[in-house]
Protein backbone atom coordinates (compact mmCIF):
# COMPACT_ATOMS: atom_id res chain seq x y z
CA MET A 1 -96.52 124.70 -90.30
CA ASN A 2 -98.56 121.65 -91.31
CA LEU A 3 -102.04 121.07 -92.65
CA ASN A 4 -103.45 120.30 -89.21
CA ASP A 5 -102.37 123.80 -88.10
CA ILE A 6 -104.31 125.67 -90.76
CA GLY A 7 -107.75 124.12 -90.31
CA GLU A 8 -110.31 123.33 -92.95
CA PRO A 9 -110.20 124.78 -96.48
CA PHE A 10 -112.81 127.38 -97.35
CA ALA A 11 -112.63 126.51 -101.05
CA VAL A 12 -111.81 123.37 -102.97
CA GLY A 13 -111.01 123.57 -106.68
CA ASN A 14 -109.98 121.20 -109.41
CA THR A 15 -106.25 121.64 -108.70
CA ALA A 16 -105.99 122.89 -105.11
CA LYS A 17 -107.51 123.58 -101.74
CA VAL A 18 -107.55 127.13 -100.38
CA TYR A 19 -107.16 128.08 -96.73
CA LEU A 20 -107.32 131.31 -94.75
CA PHE A 21 -104.73 131.29 -91.97
CA GLU A 22 -103.31 134.22 -89.98
CA ASN A 23 -104.82 136.70 -92.42
CA LYS A 24 -103.07 135.04 -95.37
CA ILE A 25 -104.37 132.89 -98.18
CA ILE A 26 -102.68 129.50 -98.51
CA LYS A 27 -103.29 127.59 -101.69
CA VAL A 28 -102.24 123.92 -101.34
CA PHE A 29 -101.93 122.09 -104.67
CA ASN A 30 -103.03 118.54 -105.37
CA ASP A 31 -100.35 115.86 -105.53
CA ASN A 32 -101.04 114.90 -109.15
CA LEU A 33 -99.79 118.22 -110.56
CA PRO A 34 -96.33 118.94 -111.94
CA GLU A 35 -93.73 120.02 -109.38
CA THR A 36 -93.53 123.42 -111.06
CA GLU A 37 -97.25 124.24 -110.66
CA SER A 38 -96.91 126.56 -107.66
CA ILE A 39 -93.85 128.34 -109.06
CA ASN A 40 -95.56 128.88 -112.41
CA GLU A 41 -98.72 130.31 -110.84
CA ALA A 42 -96.67 132.58 -108.55
CA TYR A 43 -94.65 133.85 -111.54
CA LYS A 44 -97.79 134.58 -113.60
CA GLN A 45 -99.49 136.31 -110.67
CA GLU A 46 -96.42 138.41 -109.96
CA TYR A 47 -96.27 139.36 -113.61
CA ALA A 48 -99.92 140.51 -113.54
CA TYR A 49 -99.12 142.44 -110.35
CA SER A 50 -96.15 144.11 -112.07
CA CYS A 51 -98.49 145.22 -114.88
CA GLY A 52 -100.62 147.15 -112.37
CA ILE A 53 -103.52 144.65 -112.26
CA HIS A 54 -105.09 144.36 -108.85
CA VAL A 55 -104.20 140.83 -107.77
CA PRO A 56 -103.23 139.37 -104.37
CA LYS A 57 -99.56 139.88 -103.65
CA VAL A 58 -97.53 136.64 -103.66
CA LEU A 59 -95.82 136.21 -100.27
CA ASP A 60 -94.06 132.88 -100.61
CA VAL A 61 -93.82 129.61 -102.55
CA THR A 62 -93.22 126.71 -100.18
CA LYS A 63 -94.25 123.19 -99.23
CA ILE A 64 -96.63 122.08 -96.50
CA ASP A 65 -96.58 118.42 -95.55
CA GLY A 66 -94.76 117.73 -98.78
CA LYS A 67 -97.42 119.48 -100.89
CA GLN A 68 -96.76 122.54 -103.06
CA ALA A 69 -98.20 125.69 -101.47
CA LEU A 70 -98.58 129.31 -102.50
CA LEU A 71 -98.95 131.99 -99.79
CA MET A 72 -100.72 135.17 -100.81
CA GLU A 73 -102.13 138.37 -99.48
CA TYR A 74 -105.70 138.03 -98.19
CA ILE A 75 -108.09 140.42 -99.87
CA PRO A 76 -111.37 140.54 -97.92
CA GLY A 77 -114.55 140.87 -99.92
CA LYS A 78 -117.02 138.89 -101.97
CA THR A 79 -116.65 137.57 -105.49
CA ILE A 80 -118.81 139.04 -108.22
CA GLY A 81 -120.37 135.60 -108.48
CA GLU A 82 -121.43 135.65 -104.83
CA LEU A 83 -122.86 139.14 -105.20
CA MET A 84 -124.78 138.11 -108.31
CA SER A 85 -126.16 135.01 -106.65
CA HIS A 86 -127.67 137.24 -103.94
CA ASN A 87 -128.93 139.76 -106.48
CA PRO A 88 -129.88 137.78 -109.59
CA GLU A 89 -131.95 140.64 -110.94
CA GLN A 90 -128.70 142.60 -111.33
CA GLU A 91 -127.00 139.94 -113.46
CA GLU A 92 -126.30 142.28 -116.37
CA HIS A 93 -124.89 144.94 -114.02
CA TYR A 94 -122.39 142.52 -112.47
CA LEU A 95 -121.48 140.95 -115.81
CA SER A 96 -120.79 144.46 -117.16
CA ILE A 97 -118.39 145.13 -114.26
CA SER A 98 -116.62 141.86 -114.95
CA VAL A 99 -116.32 142.65 -118.66
CA ASP A 100 -114.68 146.03 -117.83
CA ILE A 101 -112.07 144.25 -115.74
CA HIS A 102 -111.53 141.57 -118.38
CA GLN A 103 -110.96 144.25 -120.99
CA ARG A 104 -108.40 146.04 -118.80
CA ILE A 105 -106.41 142.79 -118.63
CA HIS A 106 -106.65 142.36 -122.39
CA GLN A 107 -105.30 145.85 -123.06
CA LEU A 108 -101.91 144.76 -121.73
CA GLU A 109 -99.13 143.34 -123.85
CA GLY A 110 -97.99 140.03 -122.42
CA GLU A 111 -94.34 139.07 -122.03
CA CYS A 112 -92.28 136.31 -120.49
CA ILE A 113 -95.14 133.92 -119.78
CA GLU A 114 -96.53 130.89 -121.59
CA LEU A 115 -97.69 131.26 -125.17
CA MET A 116 -101.40 130.49 -125.53
CA SER A 117 -100.84 128.72 -128.86
CA ALA A 118 -98.38 126.28 -127.28
CA LYS A 119 -100.65 125.66 -124.33
CA LEU A 120 -103.72 124.96 -126.50
CA ASN A 121 -101.72 122.74 -128.82
CA ARG A 122 -100.49 120.67 -125.92
CA GLN A 123 -103.98 120.37 -124.40
CA ILE A 124 -105.59 119.32 -127.68
CA LYS A 125 -102.99 116.60 -128.19
CA ILE A 126 -103.74 115.02 -124.78
CA ALA A 127 -107.53 115.56 -124.84
CA PRO A 128 -109.31 112.26 -124.06
CA LYS A 129 -112.12 110.86 -126.22
CA LEU A 130 -111.01 112.83 -129.31
CA GLU A 131 -110.10 110.91 -132.43
CA ASP A 132 -106.62 111.63 -133.87
CA ASN A 133 -108.10 113.01 -137.11
CA ILE A 134 -110.22 115.50 -135.15
CA LYS A 135 -107.19 116.56 -133.08
CA ALA A 136 -105.27 117.11 -136.32
CA LEU A 137 -108.08 119.29 -137.74
CA LEU A 138 -108.26 121.37 -134.56
CA ILE A 139 -104.50 121.89 -134.44
CA GLU A 140 -104.57 122.93 -138.11
CA LYS A 141 -107.36 125.40 -137.27
CA LEU A 142 -105.38 126.67 -134.24
CA ASP A 143 -102.30 127.25 -136.43
CA SER A 144 -104.45 129.30 -138.83
CA MET A 145 -105.84 131.64 -136.16
CA PRO A 146 -104.55 135.23 -135.87
CA ILE A 147 -101.63 135.68 -133.42
CA GLU A 148 -101.65 138.38 -130.75
CA SER A 149 -99.39 139.03 -127.75
CA ARG A 150 -102.02 140.21 -125.28
CA LEU A 151 -102.23 139.16 -121.66
CA CYS A 152 -105.00 136.55 -121.18
CA HIS A 153 -106.24 135.24 -117.83
CA GLY A 154 -107.12 131.79 -119.07
CA ASP A 155 -109.91 131.07 -116.60
CA TYR A 156 -111.76 134.36 -116.22
CA HIS A 157 -115.24 134.21 -114.63
CA ILE A 158 -117.28 135.95 -111.96
CA TYR A 159 -116.00 133.72 -109.14
CA ASN A 160 -112.41 134.75 -109.88
CA VAL A 161 -113.03 138.45 -109.24
CA ILE A 162 -113.24 139.72 -105.63
CA ARG A 163 -114.79 143.12 -104.91
CA SER A 164 -113.10 144.71 -101.96
CA ASN A 165 -112.69 148.16 -100.39
CA ARG A 166 -109.65 148.64 -102.67
CA GLY A 167 -111.44 147.74 -105.87
CA ALA A 168 -111.83 144.47 -107.74
CA ALA A 169 -109.03 141.89 -107.49
CA THR A 170 -108.64 139.10 -110.05
CA ILE A 171 -107.43 135.77 -108.69
CA ASP A 172 -106.34 132.34 -109.94
CA TRP A 173 -103.69 133.10 -112.60
CA VAL A 174 -102.35 129.58 -113.12
CA ASP A 175 -103.80 129.38 -116.68
CA ALA A 176 -102.60 132.85 -117.78
CA SER A 177 -100.88 133.10 -121.16
CA VAL A 178 -99.92 135.44 -123.96
CA GLY A 179 -102.14 135.24 -126.99
CA ASN A 180 -105.35 136.18 -128.79
CA ILE A 181 -107.87 137.86 -126.55
CA ARG A 182 -110.74 136.40 -128.59
CA ALA A 183 -109.75 132.95 -127.34
CA ASP A 184 -109.80 134.19 -123.75
CA VAL A 185 -113.28 135.67 -124.23
CA CYS A 186 -114.40 132.44 -125.85
CA ARG A 187 -113.18 130.46 -122.86
CA THR A 188 -115.27 132.58 -120.50
CA TYR A 189 -118.31 132.24 -122.81
CA LEU A 190 -117.88 128.48 -122.84
CA LEU A 191 -117.60 128.34 -119.05
CA TYR A 192 -120.84 130.29 -118.60
CA SER A 193 -122.71 128.29 -121.24
CA GLN A 194 -122.18 125.20 -119.10
CA PHE A 195 -124.56 126.67 -116.53
CA SER A 196 -126.66 129.25 -118.35
CA GLY A 197 -126.94 129.94 -122.04
CA ASP A 198 -128.56 133.30 -121.29
CA MET A 199 -125.73 134.41 -119.04
CA ALA A 200 -123.17 133.32 -121.63
CA ASP A 201 -124.96 135.31 -124.31
CA THR A 202 -125.25 138.39 -122.05
CA TYR A 203 -121.54 138.28 -121.30
CA LEU A 204 -120.62 137.88 -124.99
CA ASN A 205 -122.97 140.68 -126.06
CA LEU A 206 -121.51 143.02 -123.44
CA TYR A 207 -117.91 142.23 -124.33
CA CYS A 208 -118.58 142.75 -128.06
CA LYS A 209 -120.46 145.99 -127.44
CA LYS A 210 -117.73 147.45 -125.23
CA SER A 211 -114.77 146.19 -127.29
CA GLY A 212 -115.97 146.39 -130.91
CA LEU A 213 -115.07 142.73 -131.48
CA SER A 214 -117.55 140.60 -133.41
CA LYS A 215 -119.22 137.45 -132.09
CA VAL A 216 -118.12 135.58 -135.22
CA GLU A 217 -114.39 136.07 -134.58
CA ILE A 218 -114.80 135.05 -130.90
CA LEU A 219 -116.99 132.00 -131.53
CA GLU A 220 -114.58 130.79 -134.19
CA TRP A 221 -112.42 129.64 -131.25
CA VAL A 222 -115.15 127.46 -129.69
CA PRO A 223 -114.05 124.01 -130.97
CA ILE A 224 -110.40 124.72 -130.07
CA ILE A 225 -111.23 125.90 -126.53
CA ALA A 226 -113.70 123.04 -126.03
CA ALA A 227 -111.05 120.49 -127.01
CA ALA A 228 -108.49 122.09 -124.71
CA ARG A 229 -111.00 122.04 -121.85
CA LEU A 230 -111.51 118.28 -122.38
CA SER A 231 -107.93 117.73 -121.27
CA GLU A 232 -108.55 119.45 -117.93
CA GLY A 233 -110.83 116.75 -116.55
CA VAL A 234 -112.98 119.18 -114.57
CA SER A 235 -115.61 117.25 -112.61
CA SER A 236 -118.30 119.89 -113.12
CA GLU A 237 -117.89 119.89 -116.89
CA SER A 238 -119.53 117.33 -119.13
CA SER A 239 -117.15 115.75 -121.61
CA ASP A 240 -120.20 114.70 -123.70
CA ARG A 241 -121.25 118.36 -123.94
CA LEU A 242 -117.77 119.40 -125.07
CA LEU A 243 -117.60 116.60 -127.63
CA LYS A 244 -121.02 117.60 -128.98
CA ILE A 245 -119.84 121.22 -129.32
CA ILE A 246 -116.64 120.16 -131.11
CA ASN A 247 -118.45 117.86 -133.51
CA HIS A 248 -121.06 120.54 -134.29
CA TYR A 249 -118.39 123.06 -135.31
CA ILE A 250 -116.29 120.50 -137.20
CA GLU A 251 -119.33 119.42 -139.25
CA ALA A 252 -120.27 123.04 -139.90
CA ASP A 253 -116.80 123.69 -141.34
């Protein structure tokens, strides 16, 4: 099999291109990633699968034209994001569904996968445009945050949940870790706020209402998560926005 055989990708992300070929999903990773990227994602996804979470079954980890590739079960359906875009008046309804799924993930104890604290520490240290003294303050803040051992998705949003005939499947587990669920909720809030402050607030309100967590304990993670996101170099995210958020919270402290 080579890339010419599998046609054009139907999705292009920050780290990979995704293809549908012979009723299988093939995720082909970018060349600039560590050689262990595909194996790590497969391991995390298999772990989520073993916990009873509805995720695509991993079929193989291989290489295609020298590029890392992950072969997975194809789950037909539409993402919650696609459904919401066609029914914007039902935004709260779809966000509520996504919160329920997010909470089910967070109820699980995580084992054997990357520690969130180590991941965030590493990301803050390599974040561009951040002064060393700010990095030191953020790492000090990270070290002071409560430790949990819950399963966290790491990149949870409405375009990473597919609604199918067999229920909702959560995809894209490469950033999964074990840690504090408030940080995971904060990450989702920060992702939504990039596009819509109202949607971010609705999501946060729903999660807090359903879980009993307070907004204060979730938003306390904002500068840490914003700094970690800086290191990802996502083209759709504004580094100036993230820096402004970080500076606002640092000054407030």
